[in-house]
Amino acid sequence: MGIEITRESFDAADHARFAARLTDQLAALRAVLARPGFGAGPASLGSEVEVSIVDGAGRPLGVNRAVLASTLDRRVTLEVDRFNLELNTRPCALAGTPFAALARELEDGLAELRRAAATYGGRVVTIGILPTLMAEDLGSAALTDSARYRALSAAIRGLRHEPFPIRIGGDDPLELDADDVTLQGANTSFQIHLRVAPADFARSYNAAQIATGPALAAAGNSPLFLGHRLWEETRVAVFRQSVDERVDAEPDDWRAARVSFGHGWVRQGAYELFAESVALHPVFLPVCAEAAPASAGIPSLLELRLHHGTVWRWNRAVYDDAGGGHLRIEMRALPCGPTVADMTANAAFLVGLTLGIAPHVDELLPRFTFGQARRNFYAAARDGLAAELLWPSARTPSPEPHAAHALVAALLPVARAGLVDNGVDPAEADAHLGVIAARVARRATGARWQRQTLERLRTGRTGSEALAALLERYLAAAATGRPVHEWERIL
């Protein structure tokens, strides 16, 4: 986020100073976005992948600081819990073969993480939620030893003053109360960064919001949490509830949720999303930089970026002052794993569908309300390819309901056109979208594979034994590098 956080408590003067910085920096953001030529440049692609570390028995292993110290790879950073790390890939041009380049970055970085983790008896797992997690693995002792995470946890607890109620439906409904934010660390995701021109931001962002539901339905890889069979993408429910500072929040609560799909279509551009973050959400970390540096006249906006980074929209606007300054859309909904082949295919479908929709988004929005797009997102997270999703239609009334698996298949040509029209090599697009087509044809997501495998493994085993056996099967299959639809078929 640009500012090193070394403090864990703050007073009224800190908040007043930070608030003044936010006001000034919103004005500076508006001004820089209005500059002719700001953010101009070729589209690019980058990513972040969060991983878990487990021991030889498949149990979470809290050695992230030691593993980080054992690698010289500057792409690796800490994450919320001691058994998490994050790998940030270097950006590459969208034109040409970006997903092949992304795959190389991921394979190289994950190999280095595996090497470093092995030094401490650890194994790296690319999965949305570890099936072997237990309640005792989460809590204050699991929090990464970092002032940043301690301050964040304290700030959320300070606003809430009581435990976080976690209530998730599914085959085995879950109810528990959490005392801090370490449940965040149960979730590992694969986040895509797409650079877009400021003039195109509103259309592109709204297109990403529309595209996220179908993309998430095809990508599910998080069906288990604390031994409970829940949503296809249980991460979505866990993350939203584990950092909700609103006490006694109702589904239609007027207070804006800290983790959300958003509050409406973007009307003009990125500025309004930053302004929303400032207006709607209390400050968690009022840390001011000692100076406000600017690069070639481009403001850094460090405090604004810090605050905006503590508002977790599933698609988030990113301002970056590097390289003359630019804007990105951070697509945060996809899960980690199962393999690099699956993650790059998921990225190709989500990015391609966003780019394919963007030129037509102005004609789609009157046929598709924001509430309907938000409904799609949560339906996809809950039910995956079995969800009913809505899609805008030229016929009245719009939208029309579709089975998610059929809708994804029908949207693959739109995603291909979006990629190819933006310079992606046709063979590259076909290779990665072909993984999605095969996965959907077989209904073989990572979440479905986990559910079916667990069902078979439960015979003759205790619950914890079955979950441990599931993780071993998963690790062995993922080590082949083959996408999940090519794994052993569980009937």
Protein backbone atom coordinates (compact mmCIF):
# COMPACT_ATOMS: atom_id res chain seq x y z
CA MET A 1 0.00 0.00 0.00
CA GLY A 2 3.02 2.28 -0.16
CA ILE A 3 3.34 3.22 3.54
CA GLU A 4 5.26 1.15 6.06
CA ILE A 5 3.09 0.54 9.11
CA THR A 6 5.01 0.35 12.38
CA ARG A 7 2.33 1.52 14.83
CA GLU A 8 -0.67 -0.33 16.21
CA SER A 9 -2.59 2.40 18.04
CA PHE A 10 -3.69 5.86 16.94
CA ASP A 11 -5.20 8.96 18.53
CA ALA A 12 -7.59 11.70 17.42
CA ALA A 13 -4.74 13.81 16.03
CA ASP A 14 -3.66 10.94 13.78
CA HIS A 15 -7.18 10.60 12.44
CA ALA A 16 -7.53 14.35 11.85
CA ARG A 17 -4.23 14.53 9.97
CA PHE A 18 -5.11 11.50 7.89
CA ALA A 19 -8.57 12.86 7.06
CA ALA A 20 -7.01 16.07 5.79
CA ARG A 21 -4.65 14.07 3.60
CA LEU A 22 -7.59 12.13 2.14
CA THR A 23 -9.43 15.33 1.27
CA ASP A 24 -6.37 16.80 -0.42
CA GLN A 25 -5.56 13.62 -2.27
CA LEU A 26 -9.07 13.14 -3.62
CA ALA A 27 -8.72 16.59 -5.18
CA ALA A 28 -5.30 15.63 -6.54
CA LEU A 29 -6.71 12.42 -7.99
CA ARG A 30 -9.48 14.28 -9.76
CA ALA A 31 -6.91 16.69 -11.20
CA VAL A 32 -4.46 14.04 -12.40
CA LEU A 33 -7.21 11.96 -14.01
CA ALA A 34 -8.23 15.05 -15.99
CA ARG A 35 -4.75 15.55 -17.44
CA PRO A 36 -4.53 14.85 -21.17
CA GLY A 37 -2.53 11.71 -21.74
CA PHE A 38 -2.53 10.48 -18.15
CA GLY A 39 -2.57 6.69 -18.04
CA ALA A 40 -2.04 6.31 -21.78
CA GLY A 41 -0.19 3.19 -22.77
CA PRO A 42 -0.69 -0.40 -23.83
CA ALA A 43 -2.93 -2.65 -21.80
CA SER A 44 -1.08 -5.01 -19.47
CA LEU A 45 -1.77 -7.94 -17.21
CA GLY A 46 -0.44 -8.84 -13.78
CA SER A 47 -1.51 -11.04 -10.90
CA GLU A 48 -1.23 -11.92 -7.22
CA VAL A 49 -1.65 -15.46 -5.95
CA GLU A 50 -2.04 -16.31 -2.27
CA VAL A 51 -0.94 -19.76 -1.13
CA SER A 52 -1.09 -21.89 2.01
CA ILE A 53 1.77 -23.78 3.65
CA VAL A 54 1.17 -27.17 5.25
CA ASP A 55 3.32 -29.72 7.02
CA GLY A 56 3.81 -33.37 6.12
CA ALA A 57 0.46 -34.29 7.65
CA GLY A 58 -1.38 -31.60 5.70
CA ARG A 59 -1.86 -29.31 8.69
CA PRO A 60 -1.32 -25.53 8.43
CA LEU A 61 2.32 -24.65 9.11
CA GLY A 62 2.98 -21.13 10.44
CA VAL A 63 6.39 -20.48 8.96
CA ASN A 64 5.70 -17.70 6.46
CA ARG A 65 8.34 -15.34 7.86
CA ALA A 66 11.00 -18.05 7.80
CA VAL A 67 10.08 -19.04 4.24
CA LEU A 68 10.16 -15.40 3.15
CA ALA A 69 13.62 -15.02 4.70
CA SER A 70 14.80 -18.10 2.81
CA THR A 71 14.01 -16.75 -0.62
CA LEU A 72 15.55 -13.83 -2.46
CA ASP A 73 12.51 -13.60 -4.73
CA ARG A 74 11.19 -10.07 -4.30
CA ARG A 75 7.84 -11.12 -5.74
CA VAL A 76 7.01 -12.91 -2.47
CA THR A 77 5.31 -11.08 0.42
CA LEU A 78 3.62 -11.92 3.71
CA GLU A 79 -0.10 -12.46 4.10
CA VAL A 80 -2.58 -12.28 6.99
CA ASP A 81 -1.92 -15.62 8.67
CA ARG A 82 1.34 -17.35 9.48
CA PHE A 83 0.59 -20.17 7.05
CA ASN A 84 -0.01 -17.82 4.08
CA LEU A 85 2.26 -16.15 1.54
CA GLU A 86 1.60 -14.10 -1.59
CA LEU A 87 3.38 -14.18 -4.94
CA ASN A 88 3.13 -11.10 -7.16
CA THR A 89 3.87 -11.68 -10.83
CA ARG A 90 5.55 -9.07 -12.98
CA PRO A 91 3.20 -7.32 -15.41
CA CYS A 92 3.26 -8.26 -19.08
CA ALA A 93 1.71 -6.75 -22.19
CA LEU A 94 -1.81 -7.95 -22.97
CA ALA A 95 -1.00 -8.24 -26.66
CA GLY A 96 0.64 -11.44 -27.86
CA THR A 97 0.79 -14.37 -25.43
CA PRO A 98 0.13 -12.85 -21.99
CA PHE A 99 -1.29 -15.97 -20.37
CA ALA A 100 1.69 -18.06 -21.39
CA ALA A 101 3.90 -15.37 -19.86
CA LEU A 102 1.73 -15.34 -16.74
CA ALA A 103 1.98 -19.13 -16.51
CA ARG A 104 5.78 -18.97 -16.66
CA GLU A 105 5.84 -16.37 -13.89
CA LEU A 106 3.54 -18.46 -11.71
CA GLU A 107 5.40 -21.72 -12.30
CA ASP A 108 8.75 -20.09 -11.57
CA GLY A 109 7.55 -18.30 -8.44
CA LEU A 110 5.70 -21.31 -7.04
CA ALA A 111 8.73 -23.53 -7.61
CA GLU A 112 10.83 -21.11 -5.58
CA LEU A 113 8.21 -21.04 -2.82
CA ARG A 114 8.15 -24.84 -2.73
CA ARG A 115 11.92 -24.94 -2.44
CA ALA A 116 12.01 -22.42 0.40
CA ALA A 117 9.07 -24.01 2.25
CA ALA A 118 10.67 -27.47 2.06
CA THR A 119 13.56 -26.15 4.15
CA TYR A 120 11.10 -25.97 7.05
CA GLY A 121 9.21 -29.16 6.29
CA GLY A 122 6.53 -27.24 4.46
CA ARG A 123 4.54 -27.84 1.30
CA VAL A 124 2.82 -25.16 -0.78
CA VAL A 125 -0.88 -25.64 -1.57
CA THR A 126 -2.76 -23.75 -4.29
CA ILE A 127 -6.36 -24.14 -3.13
CA GLY A 128 -9.11 -21.67 -2.22
CA ILE A 129 -9.50 -22.93 1.38
CA LEU A 130 -7.45 -25.66 3.03
CA PRO A 131 -9.79 -28.59 3.76
CA THR A 132 -7.66 -29.53 6.79
CA LEU A 133 -8.13 -26.21 8.58
CA MET A 134 -9.58 -26.49 12.08
CA ALA A 135 -10.96 -23.77 14.32
CA GLU A 136 -7.86 -23.93 16.52
CA ASP A 137 -5.69 -23.05 13.51
CA LEU A 138 -7.35 -19.62 13.42
CA GLY A 139 -7.28 -16.94 16.08
CA SER A 140 -4.80 -14.42 17.43
CA ALA A 141 -1.92 -16.92 17.49
CA ALA A 142 -2.32 -17.45 13.73
CA LEU A 143 -1.91 -13.77 12.86
CA THR A 144 1.31 -12.95 11.02
CA ASP A 145 3.79 -11.16 13.26
CA SER A 146 3.49 -7.77 11.60
CA ALA A 147 2.44 -4.36 12.88
CA ARG A 148 0.31 -3.94 9.76
CA TYR A 149 -1.85 -6.99 10.47
CA ARG A 150 -2.01 -6.41 14.22
CA ALA A 151 -3.11 -2.81 13.64
CA LEU A 152 -5.71 -3.87 11.09
CA SER A 153 -7.12 -6.54 13.40
CA ALA A 154 -7.22 -4.13 16.33
CA ALA A 155 -8.94 -1.44 14.26
CA ILE A 156 -11.72 -3.77 13.11
CA ARG A 157 -12.25 -5.17 16.61
CA GLY A 158 -12.27 -1.64 18.00
CA LEU A 159 -15.13 -0.62 15.73
CA ARG A 160 -17.12 -3.77 16.32
CA HIS A 161 -16.63 -4.34 20.09
CA GLU A 162 -17.91 -7.92 19.83
CA PRO A 163 -17.12 -11.16 17.95
CA PHE A 164 -17.83 -11.57 14.25
CA PRO A 165 -20.77 -13.94 13.67
CA ILE A 166 -20.04 -16.36 10.80
CA ARG A 167 -23.20 -17.92 9.37
CA ILE A 168 -22.89 -19.88 6.11
CA GLY A 169 -25.42 -22.25 4.60
CA GLY A 170 -24.72 -25.46 2.72
CA ASP A 171 -24.88 -29.22 3.14
CA ASP A 172 -23.42 -28.78 6.64
CA PRO A 173 -24.39 -25.23 7.72
CA LEU A 174 -21.78 -23.43 9.79
CA GLU A 175 -22.29 -21.11 12.74
CA LEU A 176 -19.40 -19.75 14.77
CA ASP A 177 -18.17 -16.53 16.33
CA ALA A 178 -14.71 -15.18 15.50
CA ASP A 179 -12.74 -12.79 17.67
CA ASP A 180 -10.40 -11.34 15.03
CA VAL A 181 -9.67 -11.15 11.31
CA THR A 182 -7.56 -14.29 11.01
CA LEU A 183 -10.43 -16.02 9.21
CA GLN A 184 -9.30 -13.89 6.25
CA GLY A 185 -6.23 -16.10 6.10
CA ALA A 186 -8.40 -19.14 5.46
CA ASN A 187 -9.05 -17.69 2.00
CA THR A 188 -6.47 -17.74 -0.76
CA SER A 189 -7.25 -16.10 -4.07
CA PHE A 190 -5.84 -15.44 -7.52
CA GLN A 191 -6.17 -11.75 -8.32
CA ILE A 192 -5.83 -10.32 -11.81
CA HIS A 193 -4.70 -6.76 -12.56
CA LEU A 194 -5.80 -5.34 -15.91
CA ARG A 195 -4.45 -1.93 -16.93
CA VAL A 196 -7.07 0.23 -18.62
CA ALA A 197 -7.10 3.76 -20.01
CA PRO A 198 -8.83 6.31 -17.75
CA ALA A 199 -11.30 7.22 -20.50
CA ASP A 200 -12.35 3.58 -20.74
CA PHE A 201 -12.42 2.89 -17.02
CA ALA A 202 -16.17 3.16 -16.35
CA ARG A 203 -17.12 0.89 -19.26
CA SER A 204 -14.37 -1.60 -18.45
CA TYR A 205 -15.14 -1.69 -14.74
CA ASN A 206 -18.87 -2.20 -15.30
CA ALA A 207 -18.04 -4.92 -17.82
CA ALA A 208 -15.83 -6.63 -15.23
CA GLN A 209 -18.72 -6.53 -12.75
CA ILE A 210 -20.98 -8.24 -15.28
CA ALA A 211 -18.33 -10.79 -16.26
CA THR A 212 -17.40 -11.79 -12.71
CA GLY A 213 -20.51 -13.89 -12.02
CA PRO A 214 -20.09 -16.34 -14.93
CA ALA A 215 -16.31 -16.44 -14.45
CA LEU A 216 -16.66 -17.28 -10.76
CA ALA A 217 -19.23 -19.98 -11.50
CA ALA A 218 -16.69 -21.74 -13.72
CA ALA A 219 -13.80 -21.36 -11.26
CA GLY A 220 -15.09 -22.67 -7.91
CA ASN A 221 -12.40 -24.24 -5.70
CA SER A 222 -13.45 -23.56 -2.08
CA PRO A 223 -16.29 -25.89 -1.01
CA LEU A 224 -15.01 -26.81 2.46
CA PHE A 225 -14.37 -24.81 5.61
CA LEU A 226 -13.66 -26.22 9.06
CA GLY A 227 -14.93 -29.60 7.91
CA HIS A 228 -18.25 -28.21 6.65
CA ARG A 229 -19.49 -28.56 3.07
CA LEU A 230 -20.68 -25.07 2.23
CA TRP A 231 -20.62 -22.89 -0.91
CA GLU A 232 -18.72 -23.71 -4.09
CA GLU A 233 -16.76 -20.54 -3.31
CA THR A 234 -17.03 -20.36 0.46
CA ARG A 235 -14.24 -17.74 0.43
CA VAL A 236 -16.79 -15.14 -0.60
CA ALA A 237 -18.95 -15.70 2.47
CA VAL A 238 -16.05 -16.09 4.90
CA PHE A 239 -14.25 -12.97 3.74
CA ARG A 240 -17.34 -10.77 3.80
CA GLN A 241 -18.36 -11.84 7.30
CA SER A 242 -14.90 -11.97 8.87
CA VAL A 243 -14.20 -8.25 8.45
CA ASP A 244 -17.71 -6.83 8.82
CA GLU A 245 -17.45 -4.09 11.42
CA ARG A 246 -21.22 -3.44 11.29
CA VAL A 247 -22.83 -4.80 14.47
CA ASP A 248 -26.15 -6.63 13.91
CA ALA A 249 -26.05 -5.97 10.16
CA GLU A 250 -29.12 -7.07 8.20
CA PRO A 251 -29.06 -8.25 4.55
CA ASP A 252 -30.53 -4.89 3.46
CA ASP A 253 -28.57 -2.85 6.00
CA TRP A 254 -28.14 0.80 5.04
CA ARG A 255 -24.53 0.77 6.25
CA ALA A 256 -22.06 -0.08 3.48
CA ALA A 257 -20.26 -3.39 3.95
CA ARG A 258 -16.47 -3.29 4.03
CA VAL A 259 -16.34 -6.33 1.73
CA SER A 260 -18.87 -6.03 -1.08
CA PHE A 261 -19.64 -6.37 -4.73
CA GLY A 262 -20.14 -2.61 -4.78
CA HIS A 263 -23.03 -0.20 -4.59
CA GLY A 264 -23.96 0.62 -8.19
CA TRP A 265 -22.71 1.02 -11.74
CA VAL A 266 -19.76 3.37 -12.19
CA ARG A 267 -21.07 6.42 -13.99
CA GLN A 268 -17.98 8.44 -14.89
CA GLY A 269 -14.73 6.84 -13.83
CA ALA A 270 -12.34 5.63 -11.16
CA TYR A 271 -12.57 8.79 -9.04
CA GLU A 272 -16.02 7.94 -7.72
CA LEU A 273 -14.84 4.59 -6.33
CA PHE A 274 -12.05 6.26 -4.36
CA ALA A 275 -14.48 8.93 -3.20
CA GLU A 276 -16.90 6.20 -2.07
CA SER A 277 -14.18 4.57 0.00
CA VAL A 278 -13.52 7.86 1.78
CA ALA A 279 -17.17 8.83 2.26
CA LEU A 280 -18.67 5.48 3.24
CA HIS A 281 -16.04 3.78 5.40
CA PRO A 282 -14.29 4.74 8.64
CA VAL A 283 -10.50 4.79 8.56
CA PHE A 284 -8.74 1.71 9.93
CA LEU A 285 -5.10 2.75 9.57
CA PRO A 286 -4.54 6.54 9.87
CA VAL A 287 -0.84 6.31 9.02
CA CYS A 288 0.60 9.33 7.22
CA ALA A 289 3.76 9.27 5.17
CA GLU A 290 6.50 11.62 6.32
CA ALA A 291 6.43 13.30 2.92
CA ALA A 292 4.18 13.25 -0.11
CA PRO A 293 6.59 12.46 -2.96
CA ALA A 294 5.65 12.83 -6.59
CA SER A 295 7.24 11.16 -9.57
CA ALA A 296 7.54 13.35 -12.66
CA GLY A 297 4.69 15.48 -11.37
CA ILE A 298 2.46 12.44 -10.73
CA PRO A 299 1.16 12.43 -7.14
CA SER A 300 1.75 9.29 -5.08
CA LEU A 301 -1.55 9.56 -3.12
CA LEU A 302 -0.15 7.17 -0.53
CA GLU A 303 -2.75 7.78 2.17
CA LEU A 304 -5.67 7.55 -0.26
CA ARG A 305 -4.32 4.27 -1.63
CA LEU A 306 -3.80 2.94 1.91
CA HIS A 307 -7.38 3.67 2.92
CA HIS A 308 -8.84 2.44 -0.37
CA GLY A 309 -6.89 -0.80 0.13
CA THR A 310 -8.84 -1.48 3.34
CA VAL A 311 -12.13 -1.47 1.42
CA TRP A 312 -12.39 -4.86 -0.23
CA ARG A 313 -14.58 -4.69 -3.32
CA TRP A 314 -14.49 -7.87 -5.40
CA ASN A 315 -13.42 -5.67 -8.31
CA ARG A 316 -11.30 -2.76 -7.13
CA ALA A 317 -9.96 0.36 -8.81
CA VAL A 318 -6.19 0.74 -8.50
CA TYR A 319 -4.24 3.97 -8.96
CA ASP A 320 -0.49 3.60 -9.50
CA ASP A 321 1.97 6.47 -9.90
CA ALA A 322 4.66 4.23 -11.42
CA GLY A 323 5.73 4.73 -15.01
CA GLY A 324 3.99 8.06 -15.44
CA GLY A 325 0.86 6.86 -13.66
CA HIS A 326 -2.01 4.60 -14.70
CA LEU A 327 -5.22 2.88 -13.60
CA ARG A 328 -5.91 -0.82 -13.20
CA ILE A 329 -8.89 -2.99 -12.38
CA GLU A 330 -7.99 -5.52 -9.71
CA MET A 331 -10.22 -8.57 -10.22
CA ARG A 332 -10.30 -10.19 -6.79
CA ALA A 333 -12.98 -12.88 -6.99
CA LEU A 334 -11.13 -15.87 -8.44
CA PRO A 335 -9.81 -18.59 -6.12
CA CYS A 336 -6.29 -19.89 -5.98
CA GLY A 337 -5.71 -23.15 -7.88
CA PRO A 338 -6.14 -25.91 -8.57
CA THR A 339 -3.18 -25.63 -11.01
CA VAL A 340 -1.42 -22.92 -12.99
CA ALA A 341 -3.25 -24.19 -16.07
CA ASP A 342 -6.59 -23.65 -14.31
CA MET A 343 -5.67 -20.21 -13.00
CA THR A 344 -4.46 -18.90 -16.36
CA ALA A 345 -7.60 -20.29 -18.03
CA ASN A 346 -9.75 -18.53 -15.41
CA ALA A 347 -7.84 -15.31 -16.06
CA ALA A 348 -8.27 -15.64 -19.83
CA PHE A 349 -12.03 -16.13 -19.49
CA LEU A 350 -12.58 -13.28 -17.02
CA VAL A 351 -10.33 -10.81 -18.83
CA GLY A 352 -11.60 -11.83 -22.25
CA LEU A 353 -15.25 -11.59 -21.21
CA THR A 354 -14.63 -8.17 -19.65
CA LEU A 355 -12.97 -6.92 -22.83
CA GLY A 356 -15.66 -8.50 -25.00
CA ILE A 357 -18.48 -6.86 -23.04
CA ALA A 358 -16.87 -3.43 -22.57
CA PRO A 359 -17.61 -1.95 -26.03
CA HIS A 360 -21.29 -2.86 -25.62
CA VAL A 361 -21.76 -2.14 -21.94
CA ASP A 362 -23.70 1.10 -22.43
CA GLU A 363 -26.43 -0.76 -24.31
CA LEU A 364 -26.41 -3.64 -21.80
CA LEU A 365 -26.86 -1.61 -18.61
CA PRO A 366 -30.47 -0.57 -19.29
CA ARG A 367 -31.30 -4.28 -19.62
CA PHE A 368 -29.41 -5.39 -16.51
CA THR A 369 -29.63 -3.76 -13.10
CA PHE A 370 -26.71 -3.60 -10.73
CA GLY A 371 -28.72 -5.67 -8.25
CA GLN A 372 -29.05 -8.42 -10.85
CA ALA A 373 -25.29 -8.46 -11.44
CA ARG A 374 -24.74 -8.64 -7.68
CA ARG A 375 -27.26 -11.51 -7.48
CA ASN A 376 -25.28 -13.35 -10.15
CA PHE A 377 -22.09 -12.96 -8.15
CA TYR A 378 -23.48 -14.48 -4.96
CA ALA A 379 -25.40 -17.19 -6.83
CA ALA A 380 -22.18 -18.19 -8.62
CA ALA A 381 -20.26 -18.25 -5.34
CA ARG A 382 -22.92 -20.36 -3.68
CA ASP A 383 -23.84 -22.84 -6.43
CA GLY A 384 -21.07 -22.68 -9.06
CA LEU A 385 -21.97 -24.23 -12.39
CA ALA A 386 -25.30 -25.38 -10.91
CA ALA A 387 -26.37 -21.77 -10.32
CA GLU A 388 -29.09 -19.94 -12.18
CA LEU A 389 -27.57 -16.77 -13.61
CA LEU A 390 -29.26 -13.83 -15.29
CA TRP A 391 -28.07 -12.30 -18.54
CA PRO A 392 -29.25 -9.18 -20.39
CA SER A 393 -31.50 -9.84 -23.34
CA ALA A 394 -32.65 -7.82 -26.34
CA ARG A 395 -36.12 -9.24 -25.72
CA THR A 396 -38.55 -7.87 -23.15
CA PRO A 397 -38.49 -8.55 -20.28
CA SER A 398 -34.76 -8.53 -19.70
CA PRO A 399 -32.72 -10.20 -18.28
CA GLU A 400 -33.27 -13.91 -18.92
CA PRO A 401 -32.30 -16.74 -16.56
CA HIS A 402 -29.78 -19.34 -17.71
CA ALA A 403 -28.13 -22.40 -16.22
CA ALA A 404 -24.63 -21.25 -15.34
CA HIS A 405 -22.89 -24.04 -17.25
CA ALA A 406 -24.85 -23.21 -20.41
CA LEU A 407 -24.27 -19.48 -20.04
CA VAL A 408 -20.51 -19.91 -19.61
CA ALA A 409 -20.35 -22.07 -22.74
CA ALA A 410 -22.36 -19.48 -24.69
CA LEU A 411 -20.07 -16.65 -23.53
CA LEU A 412 -16.80 -18.28 -24.58
CA PRO A 413 -16.96 -16.73 -28.10
CA VAL A 414 -17.50 -13.30 -26.50
CA ALA A 415 -14.40 -13.83 -24.36
CA ARG A 416 -12.39 -15.00 -27.37
CA ALA A 417 -13.38 -11.93 -29.38
CA GLY A 418 -12.47 -9.69 -26.44
CA LEU A 419 -8.99 -11.18 -26.27
CA VAL A 420 -8.27 -11.34 -29.99
CA ASP A 421 -9.63 -7.84 -30.64
CA ASN A 422 -7.18 -6.55 -28.03
CA GLY A 423 -4.15 -8.17 -29.60
CA VAL A 424 -4.01 -11.59 -27.91
CA ASP A 425 -2.76 -14.27 -30.28
CA PRO A 426 -5.76 -16.38 -31.43
CA ALA A 427 -4.00 -19.66 -30.65
CA GLU A 428 -3.24 -18.38 -27.14
CA ALA A 429 -6.87 -17.44 -26.59
CA ASP A 430 -8.10 -20.80 -27.90
CA ALA A 431 -5.71 -22.79 -25.72
CA HIS A 432 -6.76 -21.19 -22.46
CA LEU A 433 -10.46 -20.83 -23.22
CA GLY A 434 -10.42 -24.45 -24.32
CA VAL A 435 -9.65 -25.41 -20.72
CA ILE A 436 -12.80 -23.58 -19.60
CA ALA A 437 -14.87 -25.26 -22.34
CA ALA A 438 -13.67 -28.73 -21.31
CA ARG A 439 -14.15 -28.00 -17.61
CA VAL A 440 -17.70 -26.81 -18.15
CA ALA A 441 -18.56 -29.72 -20.45
CA ARG A 442 -17.52 -32.14 -17.71
CA ARG A 443 -18.84 -29.95 -14.83
CA ALA A 444 -15.38 -30.57 -13.38
CA THR A 445 -14.45 -27.57 -11.22
CA GLY A 446 -12.04 -27.87 -8.33
CA ALA A 447 -14.95 -27.50 -5.92
CA ARG A 448 -16.86 -30.36 -7.51
CA TRP A 449 -13.75 -32.56 -7.53
CA GLN A 450 -13.22 -31.90 -3.82
CA ARG A 451 -16.83 -32.67 -2.93
CA GLN A 452 -16.93 -35.90 -4.89
CA THR A 453 -13.54 -37.08 -3.68
CA LEU A 454 -14.40 -36.35 -0.06
CA GLU A 455 -17.63 -38.30 -0.37
CA ARG A 456 -15.71 -41.37 -1.49
CA LEU A 457 -12.97 -40.97 1.11
CA ARG A 458 -15.39 -40.68 4.04
CA THR A 459 -16.09 -44.42 3.95
CA GLY A 460 -14.13 -46.06 6.77
CA ARG A 461 -12.43 -42.84 7.89
CA THR A 462 -13.11 -40.21 10.53
CA GLY A 463 -13.93 -36.72 9.31
CA SER A 464 -10.42 -35.39 9.89
CA GLU A 465 -8.84 -38.47 8.30
CA ALA A 466 -10.99 -38.04 5.19
CA LEU A 467 -10.09 -34.37 4.90
CA ALA A 468 -6.37 -35.14 5.26
CA ALA A 469 -6.66 -37.86 2.61
CA LEU A 470 -8.50 -35.43 0.34
CA LEU A 471 -5.68 -32.89 0.59
CA GLU A 472 -3.09 -35.57 -0.26
CA ARG A 473 -5.09 -36.59 -3.33
CA TYR A 474 -5.40 -32.93 -4.31
CA LEU A 475 -1.67 -32.26 -3.91
CA ALA A 476 -0.77 -35.33 -5.96
CA ALA A 477 -3.16 -34.39 -8.77
CA ALA A 478 -2.06 -30.74 -8.77
CA ALA A 479 1.60 -31.80 -8.97
CA THR A 480 0.93 -33.23 -12.44
CA GLY A 481 0.17 -29.71 -13.68
CA ARG A 482 -2.86 -30.96 -15.57
CA PRO A 483 -6.03 -28.86 -15.30
CA VAL A 484 -8.67 -30.17 -12.93
CA HIS A 485 -11.01 -31.49 -15.63
CA GLU A 486 -8.30 -34.01 -16.52
CA TRP A 487 -7.96 -35.32 -12.96
CA GLU A 488 -9.33 -38.68 -11.93
CA ARG A 489 -13.05 -38.70 -12.62
CA ILE A 490 -15.11 -39.20 -9.47
CA LEU A 491 -18.59 -40.46 -10.30
